[in-house]
């Protein structure tokens, strides 16, 4: 209800800005937690082979059809585990890019680009 002193018009309420341009300390992305979650996922996903080479890497017989399924499962599991390990991260979108290829002693390059709206 308006006061008689203001002529029937309520004063305009002025609020402070509530938006934040950067995340709080609790919301910051923690790479070490994400890396540990991804390592655990890969170890669990590839442990069914039970064979390791001299370098300690799992040995897996490459199959084209199976590789697509393995990549999809590992990607989904990594994303789920990282989200669970980091908790609710409203300012981040997680993208997990998995490449499964045959090791025939050739070089391998993957590049990725992002476009940010700054």
PDB file of N, CA and C in Angstrom:
ATOM      1  N   UNK A   1       0.847  -1.171   0.000  1.00  0.00           N
ATOM      2  CA  UNK A   1       0.000   0.000   0.000  1.00  0.00           C
ATOM      3  C   UNK A   1       0.888   1.229   0.000  1.00  0.00           C
ATOM      4  N   UNK A   2       0.556   2.203  -0.786  1.00  0.00           N
ATOM      5  CA  UNK A   2       1.363   3.414  -0.919  1.00  0.00           C
ATOM      6  C   UNK A   2       1.073   4.380   0.219  1.00  0.00           C
ATOM      7  N   UNK A   3       2.084   5.108   0.596  1.00  0.00           N
ATOM      8  CA  UNK A   3       1.926   6.131   1.630  1.00  0.00           C
ATOM      9  C   UNK A   3       1.308   7.382   1.025  1.00  0.00           C
ATOM     10  N   UNK A   4       0.661   8.150   1.860  1.00  0.00           N
ATOM     11  CA  UNK A   4       0.097   9.424   1.412  1.00  0.00           C
ATOM     12  C   UNK A   4       1.205  10.425   1.133  1.00  0.00           C
ATOM     13  N   UNK A   5       2.389  10.258   1.780  1.00  0.00           N
ATOM     14  CA  UNK A   5       3.496  11.196   1.604  1.00  0.00           C
ATOM     15  C   UNK A   5       4.096  11.128   0.196  1.00  0.00           C
ATOM     16  N   UNK A   6       4.069   9.978  -0.436  1.00  0.00           N
ATOM     17  CA  UNK A   6       4.704   9.820  -1.749  1.00  0.00           C
ATOM     18  C   UNK A   6       3.732  10.046  -2.889  1.00  0.00           C
ATOM     19  N   UNK A   7       2.542  10.442  -2.599  1.00  0.00           N
ATOM     20  CA  UNK A   7       1.566  10.725  -3.644  1.00  0.00           C
ATOM     21  C   UNK A   7       0.988   9.485  -4.278  1.00  0.00           C
ATOM     22  N   UNK A   8       0.935   8.386  -3.533  1.00  0.00           N
ATOM     23  CA  UNK A   8       0.338   7.162  -4.038  1.00  0.00           C
ATOM     24  C   UNK A   8       1.277   6.278  -4.841  1.00  0.00           C
ATOM     25  N   UNK A   9       2.542   6.666  -4.989  1.00  0.00           N
ATOM     26  CA  UNK A   9       3.510   5.876  -5.758  1.00  0.00           C
ATOM     27  C   UNK A   9       4.505   5.243  -4.792  1.00  0.00           C
ATOM     28  N   UNK A  10       4.691   3.932  -4.934  1.00  0.00           N
ATOM     29  CA  UNK A  10       5.665   3.253  -4.074  1.00  0.00           C
ATOM     30  C   UNK A  10       7.071   3.547  -4.567  1.00  0.00           C
ATOM     31  N   UNK A  11       8.028   3.695  -3.656  1.00  0.00           N
ATOM     32  CA  UNK A  11       9.405   3.960  -4.088  1.00  0.00           C
ATOM     33  C   UNK A  11       9.993   2.737  -4.802  1.00  0.00           C
ATOM     34  N   UNK A  12      10.880   2.986  -5.735  1.00  0.00           N
ATOM     35  CA  UNK A  12      11.532   1.917  -6.487  1.00  0.00           C
ATOM     36  C   UNK A  12      12.576   1.265  -5.594  1.00  0.00           C
ATOM     37  N   UNK A  13      12.531  -0.068  -5.519  1.00  0.00           N
ATOM     38  CA  UNK A  13      13.505  -0.796  -4.710  1.00  0.00           C
ATOM     39  C   UNK A  13      14.749  -1.052  -5.549  1.00  0.00           C
ATOM     40  N   UNK A  14      15.894  -0.794  -4.976  1.00  0.00           N
ATOM     41  CA  UNK A  14      17.163  -1.003  -5.672  1.00  0.00           C
ATOM     42  C   UNK A  14      17.868  -2.188  -5.022  1.00  0.00           C
ATOM     43  N   UNK A  15      18.218  -3.186  -5.825  1.00  0.00           N
ATOM     44  CA  UNK A  15      18.869  -4.393  -5.337  1.00  0.00           C
ATOM     45  C   UNK A  15      20.314  -4.435  -5.827  1.00  0.00           C
ATOM     46  N   UNK A  16      21.150  -5.093  -5.056  1.00  0.00           N
ATOM     47  CA  UNK A  16      22.527  -5.343  -5.477  1.00  0.00           C
ATOM     48  C   UNK A  16      22.523  -6.450  -6.527  1.00  0.00           C
ATOM     49  N   UNK A  17      23.494  -6.419  -7.424  1.00  0.00           N
ATOM     50  CA  UNK A  17      23.630  -7.490  -8.408  1.00  0.00           C
ATOM     51  C   UNK A  17      23.930  -8.803  -7.700  1.00  0.00           C
ATOM     52  N   UNK A  18      23.287  -9.870  -8.156  1.00  0.00           N
ATOM     53  CA  UNK A  18      23.500 -11.174  -7.530  1.00  0.00           C
ATOM     54  C   UNK A  18      24.299 -12.123  -8.420  1.00  0.00           C
ATOM     55  N   UNK A  19      24.605 -11.718  -9.639  1.00  0.00           N
ATOM     56  CA  UNK A  19      25.349 -12.608 -10.523  1.00  0.00           C
ATOM     57  C   UNK A  19      26.831 -12.610 -10.155  1.00  0.00           C
ATOM     58  N   UNK A  20      27.498 -13.706 -10.487  1.00  0.00           N
ATOM     59  CA  UNK A  20      28.933 -13.840 -10.238  1.00  0.00           C
ATOM     60  C   UNK A  20      29.600 -14.167 -11.568  1.00  0.00           C
ATOM     61  N   UNK A  21      30.721 -13.529 -11.806  1.00  0.00           N
ATOM     62  CA  UNK A  21      31.442 -13.779 -13.049  1.00  0.00           C
ATOM     63  C   UNK A  21      32.382 -14.971 -12.954  1.00  0.00           C
ATOM     64  N   UNK A  22      32.692 -15.406 -11.760  1.00  0.00           N
ATOM     65  CA  UNK A  22      33.577 -16.558 -11.592  1.00  0.00           C
ATOM     66  C   UNK A  22      33.031 -17.434 -10.472  1.00  0.00           C
ATOM     67  N   UNK A  23      33.374 -18.709 -10.490  1.00  0.00           N
ATOM     68  CA  UNK A  23      32.842 -19.616  -9.470  1.00  0.00           C
ATOM     69  C   UNK A  23      33.439 -19.340  -8.091  1.00  0.00           C
ATOM     70  N   UNK A  24      32.706 -19.757  -7.074  1.00  0.00           N
ATOM     71  CA  UNK A  24      33.231 -19.657  -5.717  1.00  0.00           C
ATOM     72  C   UNK A  24      34.294 -20.734  -5.529  1.00  0.00           C
ATOM     73  N   UNK A  25      34.986 -20.696  -4.428  1.00  0.00           N
ATOM     74  CA  UNK A  25      36.057 -21.671  -4.174  1.00  0.00           C
ATOM     75  C   UNK A  25      35.510 -23.099  -4.135  1.00  0.00           C
ATOM     76  N   UNK A  26      34.307 -23.291  -3.599  1.00  0.00           N
ATOM     77  CA  UNK A  26      33.715 -24.638  -3.546  1.00  0.00           C
ATOM     78  C   UNK A  26      33.301 -25.121  -4.933  1.00  0.00           C
ATOM     79  N   UNK A  27      32.988 -24.184  -5.838  1.00  0.00           N
ATOM     80  CA  UNK A  27      32.516 -24.545  -7.169  1.00  0.00           C
ATOM     81  C   UNK A  27      33.642 -24.709  -8.188  1.00  0.00           C
ATOM     82  N   UNK A  28      34.861 -24.388  -7.832  1.00  0.00           N
ATOM     83  CA  UNK A  28      35.974 -24.488  -8.785  1.00  0.00           C
ATOM     84  C   UNK A  28      36.195 -25.942  -9.208  1.00  0.00           C
ATOM     85  N   UNK A  29      36.556 -26.106 -10.466  1.00  0.00           N
ATOM     86  CA  UNK A  29      36.848 -27.435 -10.996  1.00  0.00           C
ATOM     87  C   UNK A  29      38.162 -27.927 -10.407  1.00  0.00           C
ATOM     88  N   UNK A  30      38.166 -29.163  -9.933  1.00  0.00           N
ATOM     89  CA  UNK A  30      39.355 -29.748  -9.315  1.00  0.00           C
ATOM     90  C   UNK A  30      39.902 -30.837 -10.245  1.00  0.00           C
ATOM     91  N   UNK A  31      40.932 -30.512 -11.039  1.00  0.00           N
ATOM     92  CA  UNK A  31      41.456 -31.475 -12.015  1.00  0.00           C
ATOM     93  C   UNK A  31      41.984 -32.759 -11.383  1.00  0.00           C
ATOM     94  N   UNK A  32      42.616 -32.676 -10.225  1.00  0.00           N
ATOM     95  CA  UNK A  32      43.185 -33.883  -9.612  1.00  0.00           C
ATOM     96  C   UNK A  32      42.091 -34.885  -9.254  1.00  0.00           C
ATOM     97  N   UNK A  33      40.953 -34.411  -8.789  1.00  0.00           N
ATOM     98  CA  UNK A  33      39.833 -35.297  -8.461  1.00  0.00           C
ATOM     99  C   UNK A  33      39.304 -35.950  -9.739  1.00  0.00           C
ATOM    100  N   UNK A  34      39.197 -35.168 -10.812  1.00  0.00           N
ATOM    101  CA  UNK A  34      38.702 -35.696 -12.082  1.00  0.00           C
ATOM    102  C   UNK A  34      39.663 -36.733 -12.662  1.00  0.00           C
ATOM    103  N   UNK A  35      40.962 -36.454 -12.603  1.00  0.00           N
ATOM    104  CA  UNK A  35      41.962 -37.389 -13.140  1.00  0.00           C
ATOM    105  C   UNK A  35      41.919 -38.707 -12.372  1.00  0.00           C
ATOM    106  N   UNK A  36      41.826 -38.644 -11.054  1.00  0.00           N
ATOM    107  CA  UNK A  36      41.752 -39.873 -10.255  1.00  0.00           C
ATOM    108  C   UNK A  36      40.504 -40.682 -10.600  1.00  0.00           C
ATOM    109  N   UNK A  37      39.373 -40.015 -10.766  1.00  0.00           N
ATOM    110  CA  UNK A  37      38.136 -40.714 -11.117  1.00  0.00           C
ATOM    111  C   UNK A  37      38.254 -41.370 -12.492  1.00  0.00           C
ATOM    112  N   UNK A  38      38.896 -40.683 -13.448  1.00  0.00           N
ATOM    113  CA  UNK A  38      39.059 -41.252 -14.791  1.00  0.00           C
ATOM    114  C   UNK A  38      40.027 -42.431 -14.785  1.00  0.00           C
ATOM    115  N   UNK A  39      41.112 -42.324 -14.006  1.00  0.00           N
ATOM    116  CA  UNK A  39      42.061 -43.445 -13.918  1.00  0.00           C
ATOM    117  C   UNK A  39      41.386 -44.678 -13.334  1.00  0.00           C
ATOM    118  N   UNK A  40      40.599 -44.482 -12.277  1.00  0.00           N
ATOM    119  CA  UNK A  40      39.882 -45.607 -11.668  1.00  0.00           C
ATOM    120  C   UNK A  40      38.921 -46.243 -12.667  1.00  0.00           C
ATOM    121  N   UNK A  41      38.250 -45.423 -13.450  1.00  0.00           N
ATOM    122  CA  UNK A  41      37.304 -45.929 -14.446  1.00  0.00           C
ATOM    123  C   UNK A  41      38.020 -46.749 -15.512  1.00  0.00           C
ATOM    124  N   UNK A  42      39.141 -46.238 -16.014  1.00  0.00           N
ATOM    125  CA  UNK A  42      39.888 -46.979 -17.035  1.00  0.00           C
ATOM    126  C   UNK A  42      40.446 -48.282 -16.482  1.00  0.00           C
ATOM    127  N   UNK A  43      40.957 -48.239 -15.256  1.00  0.00           N
ATOM    128  CA  UNK A  43      41.471 -49.472 -14.635  1.00  0.00           C
ATOM    129  C   UNK A  43      40.356 -50.504 -14.505  1.00  0.00           C
ATOM    130  N   UNK A  44      39.190 -50.072 -14.052  1.00  0.00           N
ATOM    131  CA  UNK A  44      38.069 -50.998 -13.885  1.00  0.00           C
ATOM    132  C   UNK A  44      37.558 -51.504 -15.236  1.00  0.00           C
ATOM    133  N   UNK A  45      37.529 -50.631 -16.239  1.00  0.00           N
ATOM    134  CA  UNK A  45      37.008 -51.019 -17.551  1.00  0.00           C
ATOM    135  C   UNK A  45      37.930 -51.983 -18.284  1.00  0.00           C
ATOM    136  N   UNK A  46      39.231 -51.816 -18.129  1.00  0.00           N
ATOM    137  CA  UNK A  46      40.180 -52.652 -18.857  1.00  0.00           C
ATOM    138  C   UNK A  46      40.715 -53.814 -18.029  1.00  0.00           C
ATOM    139  N   UNK A  47      40.301 -53.933 -16.790  1.00  0.00           N
ATOM    140  CA  UNK A  47      40.848 -54.985 -15.925  1.00  0.00           C
ATOM    141  C   UNK A  47      40.407 -56.383 -16.345  1.00  0.00           C
ATOM    142  N   UNK A  48      39.344 -56.487 -17.146  1.00  0.00           N
ATOM    143  CA  UNK A  48      38.893 -57.814 -17.559  1.00  0.00           C
ATOM    144  C   UNK A  48      39.900 -58.501 -18.470  1.00  0.00           C
ATOM    145  N   UNK A  49      40.816 -57.744 -19.078  1.00  0.00           N
ATOM    146  CA  UNK A  49      41.821 -58.376 -19.932  1.00  0.00           C
ATOM    147  C   UNK A  49      42.849 -59.125 -19.094  1.00  0.00           C
ATOM    148  N   UNK A  50      43.142 -58.608 -17.910  1.00  0.00           N
ATOM    149  CA  UNK A  50      44.046 -59.225 -16.938  1.00  0.00           C
ATOM    150  C   UNK A  50      45.462 -59.442 -17.447  1.00  0.00           C
ATOM    151  N   UNK A  51      45.796 -58.917 -18.608  1.00  0.00           N
ATOM    152  CA  UNK A  51      47.151 -59.029 -19.136  1.00  0.00           C
ATOM    153  C   UNK A  51      47.776 -57.645 -19.193  1.00  0.00           C
ATOM    154  N   UNK A  52      49.041 -57.558 -18.789  1.00  0.00           N
ATOM    155  CA  UNK A  52      49.763 -56.290 -18.870  1.00  0.00           C
ATOM    156  C   UNK A  52      51.077 -56.515 -19.604  1.00  0.00           C
ATOM    157  N   UNK A  53      51.524 -55.490 -20.310  1.00  0.00           N
ATOM    158  CA  UNK A  53      52.814 -55.576 -20.984  1.00  0.00           C
ATOM    159  C   UNK A  53      53.926 -55.149 -20.033  1.00  0.00           C
ATOM    160  N   UNK A  54      55.155 -55.012 -20.569  1.00  0.00           N
ATOM    161  CA  UNK A  54      56.308 -54.659 -19.730  1.00  0.00           C
ATOM    162  C   UNK A  54      56.143 -53.289 -19.074  1.00  0.00           C
ATOM    163  N   UNK A  55      55.429 -52.393 -19.724  1.00  0.00           N
ATOM    164  CA  UNK A  55      55.222 -51.043 -19.194  1.00  0.00           C
ATOM    165  C   UNK A  55      54.088 -50.955 -18.192  1.00  0.00           C
ATOM    166  N   UNK A  56      53.414 -52.060 -17.923  1.00  0.00           N
ATOM    167  CA  UNK A  56      52.314 -52.054 -16.969  1.00  0.00           C
ATOM    168  C   UNK A  56      50.977 -51.672 -17.582  1.00  0.00           C
ATOM    169  N   UNK A  57      50.929 -51.540 -18.913  1.00  0.00           N
ATOM    170  CA  UNK A  57      49.689 -51.184 -19.595  1.00  0.00           C
ATOM    171  C   UNK A  57      48.897 -52.453 -19.905  1.00  0.00           C
ATOM    172  N   UNK A  58      47.578 -52.342 -19.832  1.00  0.00           N
ATOM    173  CA  UNK A  58      46.740 -53.491 -20.150  1.00  0.00           C
ATOM    174  C   UNK A  58      46.845 -53.825 -21.632  1.00  0.00           C
ATOM    175  N   UNK A  59      46.885 -55.111 -21.935  1.00  0.00           N
ATOM    176  CA  UNK A  59      46.945 -55.592 -23.310  1.00  0.00           C
ATOM    177  C   UNK A  59      45.544 -56.053 -23.684  1.00  0.00           C
ATOM    178  N   UNK A  60      45.053 -55.545 -24.788  1.00  0.00           N
ATOM    179  CA  UNK A  60      43.696 -55.855 -25.224  1.00  0.00           C
ATOM    180  C   UNK A  60      43.710 -56.095 -26.720  1.00  0.00           C
ATOM    181  N   UNK A  61      43.132 -57.174 -27.159  1.00  0.00           N
ATOM    182  CA  UNK A  61      43.057 -57.490 -28.584  1.00  0.00           C
ATOM    183  C   UNK A  61      42.029 -56.568 -29.233  1.00  0.00           C
ATOM    184  N   UNK A  62      42.473 -55.750 -30.184  1.00  0.00           N
ATOM    185  CA  UNK A  62      41.611 -54.751 -30.815  1.00  0.00           C
ATOM    186  C   UNK A  62      40.585 -55.406 -31.717  1.00  0.00           C
ATOM    187  N   UNK A  63      39.336 -55.037 -31.527  1.00  0.00           N
ATOM    188  CA  UNK A  63      38.240 -55.477 -32.382  1.00  0.00           C
ATOM    189  C   UNK A  63      37.405 -54.242 -32.708  1.00  0.00           C
ATOM    190  N   UNK A  64      37.201 -53.979 -33.980  1.00  0.00           N
ATOM    191  CA  UNK A  64      36.559 -52.736 -34.407  1.00  0.00           C
ATOM    192  C   UNK A  64      35.160 -52.551 -33.811  1.00  0.00           C
ATOM    193  N   UNK A  65      34.344 -53.584 -33.842  1.00  0.00           N
ATOM    194  CA  UNK A  65      32.984 -53.478 -33.310  1.00  0.00           C
ATOM    195  C   UNK A  65      32.995 -53.317 -31.788  1.00  0.00           C
ATOM    196  N   UNK A  66      33.861 -54.068 -31.142  1.00  0.00           N
ATOM    197  CA  UNK A  66      33.934 -53.989 -29.678  1.00  0.00           C
ATOM    198  C   UNK A  66      34.522 -52.656 -29.218  1.00  0.00           C
ATOM    199  N   UNK A  67      35.425 -52.086 -30.005  1.00  0.00           N
ATOM    200  CA  UNK A  67      36.061 -50.820 -29.633  1.00  0.00           C
ATOM    201  C   UNK A  67      35.037 -49.696 -29.514  1.00  0.00           C
ATOM    202  N   UNK A  68      34.063 -49.666 -30.403  1.00  0.00           N
ATOM    203  CA  UNK A  68      33.024 -48.632 -30.343  1.00  0.00           C
ATOM    204  C   UNK A  68      32.214 -48.757 -29.060  1.00  0.00           C
ATOM    205  N   UNK A  69      31.860 -49.987 -28.697  1.00  0.00           N
ATOM    206  CA  UNK A  69      31.098 -50.202 -27.465  1.00  0.00           C
ATOM    207  C   UNK A  69      31.925 -49.858 -26.233  1.00  0.00           C
ATOM    208  N   UNK A  70      33.194 -50.255 -26.242  1.00  0.00           N
ATOM    209  CA  UNK A  70      34.076 -49.961 -25.106  1.00  0.00           C
ATOM    210  C   UNK A  70      34.231 -48.453 -24.938  1.00  0.00           C
ATOM    211  N   UNK A  71      34.437 -47.740 -26.038  1.00  0.00           N
ATOM    212  CA  UNK A  71      34.603 -46.284 -25.964  1.00  0.00           C
ATOM    213  C   UNK A  71      33.351 -45.617 -25.408  1.00  0.00           C
ATOM    214  N   UNK A  72      32.198 -46.061 -25.850  1.00  0.00           N
ATOM    215  CA  UNK A  72      30.935 -45.480 -25.377  1.00  0.00           C
ATOM    216  C   UNK A  72      30.731 -45.746 -23.886  1.00  0.00           C
ATOM    217  N   UNK A  73      30.975 -46.984 -23.463  1.00  0.00           N
ATOM    218  CA  UNK A  73      30.807 -47.338 -22.052  1.00  0.00           C
ATOM    219  C   UNK A  73      31.794 -46.584 -21.164  1.00  0.00           C
ATOM    220  N   UNK A  74      33.054 -46.510 -21.591  1.00  0.00           N
ATOM    221  CA  UNK A  74      34.073 -45.808 -20.806  1.00  0.00           C
ATOM    222  C   UNK A  74      33.735 -44.325 -20.710  1.00  0.00           C
ATOM    223  N   UNK A  75      33.274 -43.739 -21.798  1.00  0.00           N
ATOM    224  CA  UNK A  75      32.908 -42.322 -21.797  1.00  0.00           C
ATOM    225  C   UNK A  75      31.767 -42.045 -20.822  1.00  0.00           C
ATOM    226  N   UNK A  76      30.735 -42.859 -20.868  1.00  0.00           N
ATOM    227  CA  UNK A  76      29.594 -42.668 -19.969  1.00  0.00           C
ATOM    228  C   UNK A  76      29.992 -42.882 -18.511  1.00  0.00           C
ATOM    229  N   UNK A  77      30.792 -43.916 -18.257  1.00  0.00           N
ATOM    230  CA  UNK A  77      31.216 -44.208 -16.885  1.00  0.00           C
ATOM    231  C   UNK A  77      32.141 -43.118 -16.350  1.00  0.00           C
ATOM    232  N   UNK A  78      33.064 -42.631 -17.187  1.00  0.00           N
ATOM    233  CA  UNK A  78      33.962 -41.545 -16.761  1.00  0.00           C
ATOM    234  C   UNK A  78      33.167 -40.297 -16.403  1.00  0.00           C
ATOM    235  N   UNK A  79      32.234 -39.931 -17.256  1.00  0.00           N
ATOM    236  CA  UNK A  79      31.421 -38.744 -16.997  1.00  0.00           C
ATOM    237  C   UNK A  79      30.641 -38.902 -15.697  1.00  0.00           C
ATOM    238  N   UNK A  80      30.041 -40.065 -15.491  1.00  0.00           N
ATOM    239  CA  UNK A  80      29.261 -40.294 -14.272  1.00  0.00           C
ATOM    240  C   UNK A  80      30.148 -40.253 -13.027  1.00  0.00           C
ATOM    241  N   UNK A  81      31.323 -40.887 -13.094  1.00  0.00           N
ATOM    242  CA  UNK A  81      32.208 -40.902 -11.922  1.00  0.00           C
ATOM    243  C   UNK A  81      32.783 -39.530 -11.608  1.00  0.00           C
ATOM    244  N   UNK A  82      33.134 -38.774 -12.632  1.00  0.00           N
ATOM    245  CA  UNK A  82      33.670 -37.428 -12.400  1.00  0.00           C
ATOM    246  C   UNK A  82      32.587 -36.537 -11.800  1.00  0.00           C
ATOM    247  N   UNK A  83      31.361 -36.630 -12.320  1.00  0.00           N
ATOM    248  CA  UNK A  83      30.260 -35.847 -11.755  1.00  0.00           C
ATOM    249  C   UNK A  83      30.018 -36.229 -10.299  1.00  0.00           C
ATOM    250  N   UNK A  84      30.077 -37.519  -9.999  1.00  0.00           N
ATOM    251  CA  UNK A  84      29.868 -37.966  -8.620  1.00  0.00           C
ATOM    252  C   UNK A  84      31.005 -37.505  -7.711  1.00  0.00           C
ATOM    253  N   UNK A  85      32.229 -37.548  -8.209  1.00  0.00           N
ATOM    254  CA  UNK A  85      33.384 -37.161  -7.393  1.00  0.00           C
ATOM    255  C   UNK A  85      33.424 -35.661  -7.129  1.00  0.00           C
ATOM    256  N   UNK A  86      33.035 -34.869  -8.115  1.00  0.00           N
ATOM    257  CA  UNK A  86      33.091 -33.411  -7.967  1.00  0.00           C
ATOM    258  C   UNK A  86      31.843 -32.837  -7.326  1.00  0.00           C
ATOM    259  N   UNK A  87      30.764 -33.583  -7.304  1.00  0.00           N
ATOM    260  CA  UNK A  87      29.520 -33.052  -6.768  1.00  0.00           C
ATOM    261  C   UNK A  87      28.829 -32.190  -7.812  1.00  0.00           C
ATOM    262  N   UNK A  88      27.860 -31.424  -7.362  1.00  0.00           N
ATOM    263  CA  UNK A  88      27.100 -30.555  -8.261  1.00  0.00           C
ATOM    264  C   UNK A  88      27.972 -29.408  -8.750  1.00  0.00           C
ATOM    265  N   UNK A  89      28.165 -29.306 -10.047  1.00  0.00           N
ATOM    266  CA  UNK A  89      28.980 -28.258 -10.668  1.00  0.00           C
ATOM    267  C   UNK A  89      28.105 -27.481 -11.652  1.00  0.00           C
ATOM    268  N   UNK A  90      27.358 -26.482 -11.184  1.00  0.00           N
ATOM    269  CA  UNK A  90      26.425 -25.800 -12.080  1.00  0.00           C
ATOM    270  C   UNK A  90      27.092 -24.963 -13.164  1.00  0.00           C
ATOM    271  N   UNK A  91      28.361 -24.615 -13.009  1.00  0.00           N
ATOM    272  CA  UNK A  91      29.026 -23.738 -13.975  1.00  0.00           C
ATOM    273  C   UNK A  91      29.839 -24.501 -15.021  1.00  0.00           C
ATOM    274  N   UNK A  92      29.833 -25.820 -14.977  1.00  0.00           N
ATOM    275  CA  UNK A  92      30.671 -26.592 -15.888  1.00  0.00           C
ATOM    276  C   UNK A  92      29.847 -27.624 -16.635  1.00  0.00           C
ATOM    277  N   UNK A  93      30.211 -27.821 -17.895  1.00  0.00           N
ATOM    278  CA  UNK A  93      29.658 -28.909 -18.682  1.00  0.00           C
ATOM    279  C   UNK A  93      30.805 -29.869 -18.944  1.00  0.00           C
ATOM    280  N   UNK A  94      30.654 -31.107 -18.549  1.00  0.00           N
ATOM    281  CA  UNK A  94      31.719 -32.091 -18.711  1.00  0.00           C
ATOM    282  C   UNK A  94      31.567 -32.814 -20.047  1.00  0.00           C
ATOM    283  N   UNK A  95      32.664 -32.902 -20.755  1.00  0.00           N
ATOM    284  CA  UNK A  95      32.701 -33.618 -22.021  1.00  0.00           C
ATOM    285  C   UNK A  95      33.826 -34.635 -21.933  1.00  0.00           C
ATOM    286  N   UNK A  96      33.512 -35.889 -22.187  1.00  0.00           N
ATOM    287  CA  UNK A  96      34.512 -36.953 -22.129  1.00  0.00           C
ATOM    288  C   UNK A  96      34.729 -37.484 -23.547  1.00  0.00           C
ATOM    289  N   UNK A  97      35.932 -37.336 -24.041  1.00  0.00           N
ATOM    290  CA  UNK A  97      36.292 -37.757 -25.395  1.00  0.00           C
ATOM    291  C   UNK A  97      37.178 -38.995 -25.274  1.00  0.00           C
ATOM    292  N   UNK A  98      36.695 -40.132 -25.744  1.00  0.00           N
ATOM    293  CA  UNK A  98      37.433 -41.394 -25.634  1.00  0.00           C
ATOM    294  C   UNK A  98      37.794 -41.878 -27.032  1.00  0.00           C
ATOM    295  N   UNK A  99      39.051 -42.243 -27.206  1.00  0.00           N
ATOM    296  CA  UNK A  99      39.521 -42.801 -28.476  1.00  0.00           C
ATOM    297  C   UNK A  99      40.118 -44.169 -28.183  1.00  0.00           C
ATOM    298  N   UNK A 100      39.607 -45.184 -28.853  1.00  0.00           N
ATOM    299  CA  UNK A 100      40.157 -46.537 -28.740  1.00  0.00           C
ATOM    300  C   UNK A 100      40.723 -46.882 -30.110  1.00  0.00           C
ATOM    301  N   UNK A 101      42.010 -47.181 -30.151  1.00  0.00           N
ATOM    302  CA  UNK A 101      42.627 -47.493 -31.439  1.00  0.00           C
ATOM    303  C   UNK A 101      43.577 -48.668 -31.292  1.00  0.00           C
ATOM    304  N   UNK A 102      43.940 -49.207 -32.420  1.00  0.00           N
ATOM    305  CA  UNK A 102      44.887 -50.314 -32.451  1.00  0.00           C
ATOM    306  C   UNK A 102      46.301 -49.765 -32.339  1.00  0.00           C
ATOM    307  N   UNK A 103      47.126 -50.406 -31.538  1.00  0.00           N
ATOM    308  CA  UNK A 103      48.510 -49.979 -31.359  1.00  0.00           C
ATOM    309  C   UNK A 103      49.390 -50.757 -32.331  1.00  0.00           C
ATOM    310  N   UNK A 104      49.736 -50.105 -33.436  1.00  0.00           N
ATOM    311  CA  UNK A 104      50.627 -50.726 -34.416  1.00  0.00           C
ATOM    312  C   UNK A 104      51.854 -49.850 -34.621  1.00  0.00           C
ATOM    313  N   UNK A 105      52.307 -49.229 -33.530  1.00  0.00           N
ATOM    314  CA  UNK A 105      53.539 -48.444 -33.477  1.00  0.00           C
ATOM    315  C   UNK A 105      53.543 -47.235 -34.415  1.00  0.00           C
ATOM    316  N   UNK A 106      52.405 -46.614 -34.613  1.00  0.00           N
ATOM    317  CA  UNK A 106      52.369 -45.384 -35.387  1.00  0.00           C
ATOM    318  C   UNK A 106      52.059 -44.226 -34.447  1.00  0.00           C
ATOM    319  N   UNK A 107      52.316 -43.010 -34.921  1.00  0.00           N
ATOM    320  CA  UNK A 107      51.996 -41.847 -34.093  1.00  0.00           C
ATOM    321  C   UNK A 107      50.498 -41.570 -34.190  1.00  0.00           C
ATOM    322  N   UNK A 108      50.018 -40.834 -33.206  1.00  0.00           N
ATOM    323  CA  UNK A 108      48.584 -40.585 -33.122  1.00  0.00           C
ATOM    324  C   UNK A 108      48.382 -39.177 -32.592  1.00  0.00           C
ATOM    325  N   UNK A 109      47.622 -38.369 -33.289  1.00  0.00           N
ATOM    326  CA  UNK A 109      47.358 -36.999 -32.840  1.00  0.00           C
ATOM    327  C   UNK A 109      45.857 -36.764 -32.773  1.00  0.00           C
ATOM    328  N   UNK A 110      45.456 -36.088 -31.728  1.00  0.00           N
ATOM    329  CA  UNK A 110      44.062 -35.686 -31.575  1.00  0.00           C
ATOM    330  C   UNK A 110      44.067 -34.210 -31.237  1.00  0.00           C
ATOM    331  N   UNK A 111      43.257 -33.443 -31.925  1.00  0.00           N
ATOM    332  CA  UNK A 111      43.155 -32.025 -31.586  1.00  0.00           C
ATOM    333  C   UNK A 111      41.695 -31.691 -31.325  1.00  0.00           C
ATOM    334  N   UNK A 112      41.514 -30.679 -30.534  1.00  0.00           N
ATOM    335  CA  UNK A 112      40.172 -30.262 -30.162  1.00  0.00           C
ATOM    336  C   UNK A 112      40.156 -28.749 -30.050  1.00  0.00           C
ATOM    337  N   UNK A 113      39.065 -28.151 -30.419  1.00  0.00           N
ATOM    338  CA  UNK A 113      38.947 -26.696 -30.331  1.00  0.00           C
ATOM    339  C   UNK A 113      37.632 -26.335 -29.662  1.00  0.00           C
ATOM    340  N   UNK A 114      37.659 -25.193 -29.009  1.00  0.00           N
ATOM    341  CA  UNK A 114      36.455 -24.687 -28.354  1.00  0.00           C
ATOM    342  C   UNK A 114      36.251 -23.237 -28.745  1.00  0.00           C
ATOM    343  N   UNK A 115      35.032 -22.820 -28.769  1.00  0.00           N
ATOM    344  CA  UNK A 115      34.703 -21.432 -29.025  1.00  0.00           C
ATOM    345  C   UNK A 115      33.979 -20.908 -27.795  1.00  0.00           C
ATOM    346  N   UNK A 116      34.594 -19.963 -27.123  1.00  0.00           N
ATOM    347  CA  UNK A 116      34.025 -19.411 -25.890  1.00  0.00           C
ATOM    348  C   UNK A 116      33.315 -18.112 -26.207  1.00  0.00           C
ATOM    349  N   UNK A 117      32.240 -17.863 -25.543  1.00  0.00           N
ATOM    350  CA  UNK A 117      31.483 -16.628 -25.755  1.00  0.00           C
ATOM    351  C   UNK A 117      31.834 -15.607 -24.678  1.00  0.00           C
ATOM    352  N   UNK A 118      32.983 -14.972 -24.843  1.00  0.00           N
ATOM    353  CA  UNK A 118      33.422 -13.964 -23.868  1.00  0.00           C
ATOM    354  C   UNK A 118      32.977 -12.601 -24.276  1.00  0.00           C
TER     355      UNK A 118
END
